Amino acid sequence: MLLSSAYKGPAPTEFKLYQAFLMGQPKRKHSKQRSRKRRGAVQFELPQLAKDPQDGTRFRPHRINPANGMYRGRQVLDVEV
């Protein structure tokens, strides 16, 4: 890589070292309790299910109903009963 004489930044080989000084550094160590509180706040949620108006089966919204192959009132899949 050719550098012009107007370039005043660090050499390409020193860039990683230079970049380490630019990034923010933590002032002190995060406690185990703080990390666990953050991770514990994210919990598994059951998916919301829509009810089919024709046969009353439950299915994921905005998807084809696997029980009867209908999507938005139209037959999309041929499902054998």
Protein backbone atom coordinates (compact mmCIF):
# COMPACT_ATOMS: atom_id res chain seq x y z
CA MET A 1 0.00 0.00 0.00
CA LEU A 2 1.45 3.33 -1.02
CA LEU A 3 1.04 6.23 1.33
CA SER A 4 1.10 9.81 0.11
CA SER A 5 3.23 12.37 1.88
CA ALA A 6 0.06 14.16 3.06
CA TYR A 7 -1.04 11.11 5.12
CA LYS A 8 -0.39 11.81 8.80
CA GLY A 9 -2.01 8.73 10.42
CA PRO A 10 -0.36 5.59 11.77
CA ALA A 11 1.38 3.10 9.53
CA PRO A 12 -0.81 0.13 8.46
CA THR A 13 1.15 -2.27 10.65
CA GLU A 14 0.52 -0.09 13.71
CA PHE A 15 -3.19 0.35 12.99
CA LYS A 16 -4.42 -2.39 15.36
CA LEU A 17 -2.37 -0.99 18.21
CA TYR A 18 -3.62 2.53 17.39
CA GLN A 19 -7.23 1.32 17.25
CA ALA A 20 -7.01 -0.21 20.74
CA PHE A 21 -6.37 3.24 22.20
CA LEU A 22 -9.40 4.74 20.48
CA MET A 23 -11.98 2.30 21.84
CA GLY A 24 -13.68 2.90 25.19
CA GLN A 25 -12.33 0.88 28.09
CA PRO A 26 -14.27 -0.13 31.21
CA LYS A 27 -13.21 1.56 34.44
CA ARG A 28 -13.83 -1.53 36.58
CA LYS A 29 -14.83 -5.17 36.24
CA HIS A 30 -18.52 -6.05 35.94
CA SER A 31 -19.66 -8.23 38.81
CA LYS A 32 -21.03 -11.73 38.23
CA GLN A 33 -24.34 -10.65 39.73
CA ARG A 34 -24.69 -7.78 37.24
CA SER A 35 -24.01 -10.06 34.28
CA ARG A 36 -26.42 -12.71 35.53
CA LYS A 37 -29.18 -10.15 36.10
CA ARG A 38 -28.83 -8.97 32.52
CA ARG A 39 -28.90 -12.51 31.11
CA GLY A 40 -31.76 -13.53 33.39
CA ALA A 41 -34.01 -10.77 32.04
CA VAL A 42 -34.17 -12.49 28.65
CA GLN A 43 -36.65 -15.30 29.07
CA PHE A 44 -38.30 -17.72 26.68
CA GLU A 45 -41.78 -16.65 25.59
CA LEU A 46 -44.37 -18.95 24.07
CA PRO A 47 -45.30 -18.01 20.50
CA GLN A 48 -48.61 -16.21 20.03
CA LEU A 49 -51.12 -18.38 18.20
CA ALA A 50 -53.97 -17.33 15.94
CA LYS A 51 -57.29 -19.17 15.85
CA ASP A 52 -58.57 -20.42 12.49
CA PRO A 53 -62.16 -19.17 11.95
CA GLN A 54 -63.17 -22.27 9.98
CA ASP A 55 -62.13 -25.19 12.17
CA GLY A 56 -60.81 -23.47 15.31
CA THR A 57 -57.29 -24.91 15.18
CA ARG A 58 -54.39 -22.83 16.49
CA PHE A 59 -51.46 -21.84 14.25
CA ARG A 60 -48.67 -19.24 14.05
CA PRO A 61 -49.94 -15.95 12.59
CA HIS A 62 -48.93 -14.89 9.06
CA ARG A 63 -48.16 -18.51 8.14
CA ILE A 64 -49.98 -21.35 6.43
CA ASN A 65 -52.19 -23.35 8.78
CA PRO A 66 -50.59 -26.82 8.77
CA ALA A 67 -53.85 -28.51 9.79
CA ASN A 68 -55.87 -27.52 6.72
CA GLY A 69 -53.41 -25.75 4.33
CA MET A 70 -55.30 -22.44 4.33
CA TYR A 71 -53.69 -18.98 4.27
CA ARG A 72 -55.79 -15.81 4.41
CA GLY A 73 -58.93 -17.62 3.30
CA ARG A 74 -57.33 -19.38 0.32
CA GLN A 75 -56.34 -23.03 -0.07
CA VAL A 76 -52.56 -23.00 -0.54
CA LEU A 77 -51.49 -26.56 0.35
CA ASP A 78 -53.18 -29.87 -0.30
CA VAL A 79 -53.32 -31.54 3.13
CA GLU A 80 -54.46 -35.14 3.42
CA VAL A 81 -56.71 -35.75 6.39
